[in-house]
Amino acid sequence: DATLDRVLALWMPGPGTATGEDTVELHCHGG
């Protein structure tokens, strides 16, 4: 339960995604 980062997240169920699969994108800080 230690904080890794605070992010913007996108949850996109398939098949309507770039890969055709369930997809998640985590927009993190870039360090």
PDB file of all heavy atoms in Angstrom:
ATOM      1  N   ASP A   1       0.812  -1.218   0.000  1.00  0.00           N
ATOM      2  CA  ASP A   1       0.000   0.000   0.000  1.00  0.00           C
ATOM      3  C   ASP A   1       0.845   1.267   0.000  1.00  0.00           C
ATOM      4  O   ASP A   1       0.364   2.348   0.357  1.00  0.00           O
ATOM      5  CB  ASP A   1      -0.967   0.016   1.188  1.00  0.00           C
ATOM      6  CG  ASP A   1      -2.141   0.979   0.955  1.00  0.00           C
ATOM      7  OD1 ASP A   1      -2.604   1.052  -0.209  1.00  0.00           O
ATOM      8  OD2 ASP A   1      -2.562   1.658   1.903  1.00  0.00           O
ATOM      9  N   ALA A   2       2.101   1.165  -0.412  1.00  0.00           N
ATOM     10  CA  ALA A   2       2.933   2.359  -0.565  1.00  0.00           C
ATOM     11  C   ALA A   2       2.616   3.004  -1.909  1.00  0.00           C
ATOM     12  O   ALA A   2       2.436   2.309  -2.922  1.00  0.00           O
ATOM     13  CB  ALA A   2       4.406   1.991  -0.493  1.00  0.00           C
ATOM     14  N   THR A   3       2.551   4.321  -1.931  1.00  0.00           N
ATOM     15  CA  THR A   3       2.211   5.027  -3.162  1.00  0.00           C
ATOM     16  C   THR A   3       3.326   4.893  -4.190  1.00  0.00           C
ATOM     17  O   THR A   3       4.493   5.172  -3.896  1.00  0.00           O
ATOM     18  CB  THR A   3       1.955   6.517  -2.877  1.00  0.00           C
ATOM     19  OG1 THR A   3       0.856   6.640  -1.966  1.00  0.00           O
ATOM     20  CG2 THR A   3       1.633   7.275  -4.164  1.00  0.00           C
ATOM     21  N   LEU A   4       2.933   4.476  -5.376  1.00  0.00           N
ATOM     22  CA  LEU A   4       3.864   4.417  -6.502  1.00  0.00           C
ATOM     23  C   LEU A   4       3.844   5.718  -7.291  1.00  0.00           C
ATOM     24  O   LEU A   4       4.873   6.269  -7.645  1.00  0.00           O
ATOM     25  CB  LEU A   4       3.510   3.255  -7.429  1.00  0.00           C
ATOM     26  CG  LEU A   4       3.577   1.850  -6.825  1.00  0.00           C
ATOM     27  CD1 LEU A   4       2.960   0.837  -7.791  1.00  0.00           C
ATOM     28  CD2 LEU A   4       5.009   1.482  -6.508  1.00  0.00           C
ATOM     29  N   ASP A   5       2.647   6.214  -7.581  1.00  0.00           N
ATOM     30  CA  ASP A   5       2.480   7.458  -8.335  1.00  0.00           C
ATOM     31  C   ASP A   5       0.996   7.788  -8.357  1.00  0.00           C
ATOM     32  O   ASP A   5       0.140   6.928  -8.092  1.00  0.00           O
ATOM     33  CB  ASP A   5       3.004   7.287  -9.772  1.00  0.00           C
ATOM     34  CG  ASP A   5       3.163   8.611 -10.506  1.00  0.00           C
ATOM     35  OD1 ASP A   5       3.198   9.668  -9.829  1.00  0.00           O
ATOM     36  OD2 ASP A   5       3.254   8.602 -11.745  1.00  0.00           O
ATOM     37  N   ARG A   6       0.692   9.015  -8.678  1.00  0.00           N
ATOM     38  CA  ARG A   6      -0.687   9.433  -8.941  1.00  0.00           C
ATOM     39  C   ARG A   6      -0.787   9.687 -10.442  1.00  0.00           C
ATOM     40  O   ARG A   6      -0.024  10.490 -10.992  1.00  0.00           O
ATOM     41  CB  ARG A   6      -1.061  10.678  -8.132  1.00  0.00           C
ATOM     42  CG  ARG A   6      -1.034  10.406  -6.623  1.00  0.00           C
ATOM     43  CD  ARG A   6      -1.491  11.585  -5.809  1.00  0.00           C
ATOM     44  NE  ARG A   6      -1.376  11.297  -4.381  1.00  0.00           N
ATOM     45  CZ  ARG A   6      -2.299  10.675  -3.657  1.00  0.00           C
ATOM     46  NH1 ARG A   6      -3.411  10.256  -4.244  1.00  0.00           N
ATOM     47  NH2 ARG A   6      -2.108  10.461  -2.372  1.00  0.00           N
ATOM     48  N   VAL A   7      -1.718   9.001 -11.081  1.00  0.00           N
ATOM     49  CA  VAL A   7      -1.722   8.930 -12.543  1.00  0.00           C
ATOM     50  C   VAL A   7      -3.095   9.228 -13.121  1.00  0.00           C
ATOM     51  O   VAL A   7      -4.105   9.208 -12.408  1.00  0.00           O
ATOM     52  CB  VAL A   7      -1.289   7.523 -13.016  1.00  0.00           C
ATOM     53  CG1 VAL A   7       0.032   7.111 -12.385  1.00  0.00           C
ATOM     54  CG2 VAL A   7      -2.366   6.485 -12.715  1.00  0.00           C
ATOM     55  N   LEU A   8      -3.114   9.484 -14.416  1.00  0.00           N
ATOM     56  CA  LEU A   8      -4.345   9.456 -15.193  1.00  0.00           C
ATOM     57  C   LEU A   8      -4.423   8.078 -15.842  1.00  0.00           C
ATOM     58  O   LEU A   8      -3.467   7.638 -16.491  1.00  0.00           O
ATOM     59  CB  LEU A   8      -4.349  10.538 -16.271  1.00  0.00           C
ATOM     60  CG  LEU A   8      -4.430  11.986 -15.781  1.00  0.00           C
ATOM     61  CD1 LEU A   8      -4.378  12.947 -16.953  1.00  0.00           C
ATOM     62  CD2 LEU A   8      -5.699  12.214 -14.970  1.00  0.00           C
ATOM     63  N   ALA A   9      -5.540   7.393 -15.647  1.00  0.00           N
ATOM     64  CA  ALA A   9      -5.684   6.018 -16.133  1.00  0.00           C
ATOM     65  C   ALA A   9      -6.869   5.905 -17.078  1.00  0.00           C
ATOM     66  O   ALA A   9      -7.893   6.574 -16.904  1.00  0.00           O
ATOM     67  CB  ALA A   9      -5.859   5.056 -14.965  1.00  0.00           C
ATOM     68  N   LEU A  10      -6.704   5.058 -18.074  1.00  0.00           N
ATOM     69  CA  LEU A  10      -7.769   4.747 -19.022  1.00  0.00           C
ATOM     70  C   LEU A  10      -7.995   3.241 -19.043  1.00  0.00           C
ATOM     71  O   LEU A  10      -7.043   2.467 -19.197  1.00  0.00           O
ATOM     72  CB  LEU A  10      -7.382   5.209 -20.432  1.00  0.00           C
ATOM     73  CG  LEU A  10      -7.635   6.672 -20.792  1.00  0.00           C
ATOM     74  CD1 LEU A  10      -6.953   6.999 -22.109  1.00  0.00           C
ATOM     75  CD2 LEU A  10      -9.125   6.940 -20.918  1.00  0.00           C
ATOM     76  N   TRP A  11      -9.254   2.843 -18.880  1.00  0.00           N
ATOM     77  CA  TRP A  11      -9.634   1.430 -18.976  1.00  0.00           C
ATOM     78  C   TRP A  11     -10.492   1.273 -20.226  1.00  0.00           C
ATOM     79  O   TRP A  11     -11.536   1.906 -20.378  1.00  0.00           O
ATOM     80  CB  TRP A  11     -10.393   1.004 -17.719  1.00  0.00           C
ATOM     81  CG  TRP A  11     -11.369  -0.137 -17.884  1.00  0.00           C
ATOM     82  CD1 TRP A  11     -12.705  -0.112 -17.599  1.00  0.00           C
ATOM     83  CD2 TRP A  11     -11.087  -1.465 -18.351  1.00  0.00           C
ATOM     84  NE1 TRP A  11     -13.279  -1.329 -17.864  1.00  0.00           N
ATOM     85  CE2 TRP A  11     -12.309  -2.186 -18.326  1.00  0.00           C
ATOM     86  CE3 TRP A  11      -9.935  -2.109 -18.783  1.00  0.00           C
ATOM     87  CZ2 TRP A  11     -12.403  -3.513 -18.722  1.00  0.00           C
ATOM     88  CZ3 TRP A  11     -10.029  -3.434 -19.188  1.00  0.00           C
ATOM     89  CH2 TRP A  11     -11.243  -4.120 -19.137  1.00  0.00           C
ATOM     90  N   MET A  12     -10.027   0.418 -21.185  1.00  0.00           N
ATOM     91  CA  MET A  12     -10.710   0.261 -22.473  1.00  0.00           C
ATOM     92  C   MET A  12     -10.956  -1.215 -22.744  1.00  0.00           C
ATOM     93  O   MET A  12     -10.019  -1.962 -23.088  1.00  0.00           O
ATOM     94  CB  MET A  12      -9.848   0.873 -23.595  1.00  0.00           C
ATOM     95  CG  MET A  12      -9.648   2.370 -23.450  1.00  0.00           C
ATOM     96  SD  MET A  12      -8.384   3.041 -24.565  1.00  0.00           S
ATOM     97  CE  MET A  12      -6.894   2.496 -23.719  1.00  0.00           C
ATOM     98  N   PRO A  13     -12.190  -1.679 -22.563  1.00  0.00           N
ATOM     99  CA  PRO A  13     -12.498  -3.084 -22.842  1.00  0.00           C
ATOM    100  C   PRO A  13     -12.364  -3.396 -24.338  1.00  0.00           C
ATOM    101  O   PRO A  13     -12.676  -2.559 -25.183  1.00  0.00           O
ATOM    102  CB  PRO A  13     -13.953  -3.241 -22.377  1.00  0.00           C
ATOM    103  CG  PRO A  13     -14.235  -2.030 -21.538  1.00  0.00           C
ATOM    104  CD  PRO A  13     -13.371  -0.950 -22.056  1.00  0.00           C
ATOM    105  N   GLY A  14     -11.906  -4.606 -24.654  1.00  0.00           N
ATOM    106  CA  GLY A  14     -11.838  -5.047 -26.039  1.00  0.00           C
ATOM    107  C   GLY A  14     -13.233  -5.420 -26.539  1.00  0.00           C
ATOM    108  O   GLY A  14     -14.187  -5.487 -25.754  1.00  0.00           O
ATOM    109  N   PRO A  15     -13.420  -5.638 -27.830  1.00  0.00           N
ATOM    110  CA  PRO A  15     -12.366  -5.666 -28.855  1.00  0.00           C
ATOM    111  C   PRO A  15     -12.092  -4.318 -29.517  1.00  0.00           C
ATOM    112  O   PRO A  15     -11.243  -4.243 -30.396  1.00  0.00           O
ATOM    113  CB  PRO A  15     -12.923  -6.663 -29.872  1.00  0.00           C
ATOM    114  CG  PRO A  15     -14.406  -6.452 -29.801  1.00  0.00           C
ATOM    115  CD  PRO A  15     -14.709  -6.145 -28.358  1.00  0.00           C
ATOM    116  N   GLY A  16     -12.821  -3.277 -29.119  1.00  0.00           N
ATOM    117  CA  GLY A  16     -12.660  -1.990 -29.774  1.00  0.00           C
ATOM    118  C   GLY A  16     -11.464  -1.211 -29.270  1.00  0.00           C
ATOM    119  O   GLY A  16     -11.587  -0.055 -28.859  1.00  0.00           O
ATOM    120  N   THR A  17     -10.297  -1.819 -29.289  1.00  0.00           N
ATOM    121  CA  THR A  17      -9.059  -1.171 -28.861  1.00  0.00           C
ATOM    122  C   THR A  17      -7.988  -1.367 -29.930  1.00  0.00           C
ATOM    123  O   THR A  17      -8.193  -2.103 -30.900  1.00  0.00           O
ATOM    124  CB  THR A  17      -8.554  -1.767 -27.534  1.00  0.00           C
ATOM    125  OG1 THR A  17      -8.239  -3.158 -27.735  1.00  0.00           O
ATOM    126  CG2 THR A  17      -9.595  -1.642 -26.434  1.00  0.00           C
ATOM    127  N   ALA A  18      -6.846  -0.736 -29.734  1.00  0.00           N
ATOM    128  CA  ALA A  18      -5.777  -0.834 -30.727  1.00  0.00           C
ATOM    129  C   ALA A  18      -5.334  -2.274 -30.942  1.00  0.00           C
ATOM    130  O   ALA A  18      -5.050  -2.701 -32.064  1.00  0.00           O
ATOM    131  CB  ALA A  18      -4.585   0.023 -30.306  1.00  0.00           C
ATOM    132  N   THR A  19      -5.280  -3.067 -29.861  1.00  0.00           N
ATOM    133  CA  THR A  19      -4.838  -4.460 -29.974  1.00  0.00           C
ATOM    134  C   THR A  19      -5.989  -5.440 -30.164  1.00  0.00           C
ATOM    135  O   THR A  19      -5.751  -6.610 -30.441  1.00  0.00           O
ATOM    136  CB  THR A  19      -4.056  -4.878 -28.717  1.00  0.00           C
ATOM    137  OG1 THR A  19      -4.928  -4.775 -27.579  1.00  0.00           O
ATOM    138  CG2 THR A  19      -2.825  -4.006 -28.509  1.00  0.00           C
ATOM    139  N   GLY A  20      -7.219  -4.971 -29.972  1.00  0.00           N
ATOM    140  CA  GLY A  20      -8.363  -5.875 -30.001  1.00  0.00           C
ATOM    141  C   GLY A  20      -8.588  -6.585 -28.683  1.00  0.00           C
ATOM    142  O   GLY A  20      -9.476  -7.434 -28.578  1.00  0.00           O
ATOM    143  N   GLU A  21      -7.798  -6.258 -27.658  1.00  0.00           N
ATOM    144  CA  GLU A  21      -7.900  -6.881 -26.343  1.00  0.00           C
ATOM    145  C   GLU A  21      -8.250  -5.824 -25.299  1.00  0.00           C
ATOM    146  O   GLU A  21      -8.168  -4.624 -25.551  1.00  0.00           O
ATOM    147  CB  GLU A  21      -6.567  -7.530 -25.957  1.00  0.00           C
ATOM    148  CG  GLU A  21      -6.071  -8.585 -26.918  1.00  0.00           C
ATOM    149  CD  GLU A  21      -4.688  -9.097 -26.528  1.00  0.00           C
ATOM    150  OE1 GLU A  21      -3.894  -8.331 -25.957  1.00  0.00           O
ATOM    151  OE2 GLU A  21      -4.426 -10.278 -26.786  1.00  0.00           O
ATOM    152  N   ASP A  22      -8.620  -6.289 -24.097  1.00  0.00           N
ATOM    153  CA  ASP A  22      -8.771  -5.364 -22.981  1.00  0.00           C
ATOM    154  C   ASP A  22      -7.458  -4.617 -22.787  1.00  0.00           C
ATOM    155  O   ASP A  22      -6.374  -5.222 -22.781  1.00  0.00           O
ATOM    156  CB  ASP A  22      -9.111  -6.128 -21.698  1.00  0.00           C
ATOM    157  CG  ASP A  22     -10.512  -6.731 -21.735  1.00  0.00           C
ATOM    158  OD1 ASP A  22     -11.264  -6.415 -22.681  1.00  0.00           O
ATOM    159  OD2 ASP A  22     -10.842  -7.511 -20.823  1.00  0.00           O
ATOM    160  N   THR A  23      -7.560  -3.309 -22.630  1.00  0.00           N
ATOM    161  CA  THR A  23      -6.361  -2.482 -22.574  1.00  0.00           C
ATOM    162  C   THR A  23      -6.466  -1.446 -21.466  1.00  0.00           C
ATOM    163  O   THR A  23      -7.530  -0.880 -21.229  1.00  0.00           O
ATOM    164  CB  THR A  23      -6.133  -1.758 -23.919  1.00  0.00           C
ATOM    165  OG1 THR A  23      -6.033  -2.734 -24.961  1.00  0.00           O
ATOM    166  CG2 THR A  23      -4.870  -0.916 -23.894  1.00  0.00           C
ATOM    167  N   VAL A  24      -5.337  -1.200 -20.812  1.00  0.00           N
ATOM    168  CA  VAL A  24      -5.218  -0.145 -19.807  1.00  0.00           C
ATOM    169  C   VAL A  24      -4.043   0.736 -20.178  1.00  0.00           C
ATOM    170  O   VAL A  24      -2.998   0.237 -20.617  1.00  0.00           O
ATOM    171  CB  VAL A  24      -5.010  -0.727 -18.390  1.00  0.00           C
ATOM    172  CG1 VAL A  24      -4.573   0.356 -17.405  1.00  0.00           C
ATOM    173  CG2 VAL A  24      -6.285  -1.405 -17.901  1.00  0.00           C
ATOM    174  N   GLU A  25      -4.228   2.048 -20.033  1.00  0.00           N
ATOM    175  CA  GLU A  25      -3.107   2.977 -20.181  1.00  0.00           C
ATOM    176  C   GLU A  25      -2.936   3.760 -18.894  1.00  0.00           C
ATOM    177  O   GLU A  25      -3.907   4.305 -18.352  1.00  0.00           O
ATOM    178  CB  GLU A  25      -3.336   3.940 -21.351  1.00  0.00           C
ATOM    179  CG  GLU A  25      -3.108   3.320 -22.706  1.00  0.00           C
ATOM    180  CD  GLU A  25      -3.134   4.334 -23.832  1.00  0.00           C
ATOM    181  OE1 GLU A  25      -3.336   5.547 -23.535  1.00  0.00           O
ATOM    182  OE2 GLU A  25      -2.968   3.938 -24.992  1.00  0.00           O
ATOM    183  N   LEU A  26      -1.718   3.787 -18.397  1.00  0.00           N
ATOM    184  CA  LEU A  26      -1.366   4.545 -17.201  1.00  0.00           C
ATOM    185  C   LEU A  26      -0.481   5.710 -17.613  1.00  0.00           C
ATOM    186  O   LEU A  26       0.636   5.505 -18.111  1.00  0.00           O
ATOM    187  CB  LEU A  26      -0.622   3.648 -16.200  1.00  0.00           C
ATOM    188  CG  LEU A  26      -1.344   2.368 -15.769  1.00  0.00           C
ATOM    189  CD1 LEU A  26      -0.438   1.524 -14.882  1.00  0.00           C
ATOM    190  CD2 LEU A  26      -2.649   2.712 -15.050  1.00  0.00           C
ATOM    191  N   HIS A  27      -0.969   6.910 -17.439  1.00  0.00           N
ATOM    192  CA  HIS A  27      -0.217   8.112 -17.786  1.00  0.00           C
ATOM    193  C   HIS A  27       0.443   8.612 -16.502  1.00  0.00           C
ATOM    194  O   HIS A  27      -0.162   9.327 -15.698  1.00  0.00           O
ATOM    195  CB  HIS A  27      -1.142   9.164 -18.397  1.00  0.00           C
ATOM    196  CG  HIS A  27      -1.742   8.744 -19.700  1.00  0.00           C
ATOM    197  ND1 HIS A  27      -1.630   9.479 -20.857  1.00  0.00           N
ATOM    198  CD2 HIS A  27      -2.452   7.628 -20.041  1.00  0.00           C
ATOM    199  CE1 HIS A  27      -2.244   8.853 -21.847  1.00  0.00           C
ATOM    200  NE2 HIS A  27      -2.755   7.725 -21.372  1.00  0.00           N
ATOM    201  N   CYS A  28       1.708   8.206 -16.346  1.00  0.00           N
ATOM    202  CA  CYS A  28       2.443   8.463 -15.105  1.00  0.00           C
ATOM    203  C   CYS A  28       3.339   9.690 -15.265  1.00  0.00           C
ATOM    204  O   CYS A  28       3.525  10.225 -16.362  1.00  0.00           O
ATOM    205  CB  CYS A  28       3.326   7.255 -14.757  1.00  0.00           C
ATOM    206  SG  CYS A  28       2.497   5.656 -14.826  1.00  0.00           S
ATOM    207  N   HIS A  29       3.934  10.105 -14.152  1.00  0.00           N
ATOM    208  CA  HIS A  29       5.034  11.045 -14.234  1.00  0.00           C
ATOM    209  C   HIS A  29       6.223  10.332 -14.902  1.00  0.00           C
ATOM    210  O   HIS A  29       6.408   9.130 -14.735  1.00  0.00           O
ATOM    211  CB  HIS A  29       5.418  11.555 -12.844  1.00  0.00           C
ATOM    212  CG  HIS A  29       4.354  12.425 -12.240  1.00  0.00           C
ATOM    213  ND1 HIS A  29       3.360  11.934 -11.428  1.00  0.00           N
ATOM    214  CD2 HIS A  29       4.127  13.754 -12.363  1.00  0.00           C
ATOM    215  CE1 HIS A  29       2.547  12.907 -11.059  1.00  0.00           C
ATOM    216  NE2 HIS A  29       2.994  14.036 -11.617  1.00  0.00           N
ATOM    217  N   GLY A  30       7.028  11.104 -15.668  1.00  0.00           N
ATOM    218  CA  GLY A  30       7.987  10.471 -16.557  1.00  0.00           C
ATOM    219  C   GLY A  30       9.384  10.265 -16.027  1.00  0.00           C
ATOM    220  O   GLY A  30      10.321  10.110 -16.821  1.00  0.00           O
ATOM    221  N   GLY A  31       9.558  10.227 -14.718  1.00  0.00           N
ATOM    222  CA  GLY A  31      10.877   9.954 -14.166  1.00  0.00           C
ATOM    223  C   GLY A  31      11.231   8.478 -14.238  1.00  0.00           C
ATOM    224  O   GLY A  31      10.357   7.609 -14.196  1.00  0.00           O
TER     225      GLY A  31
END
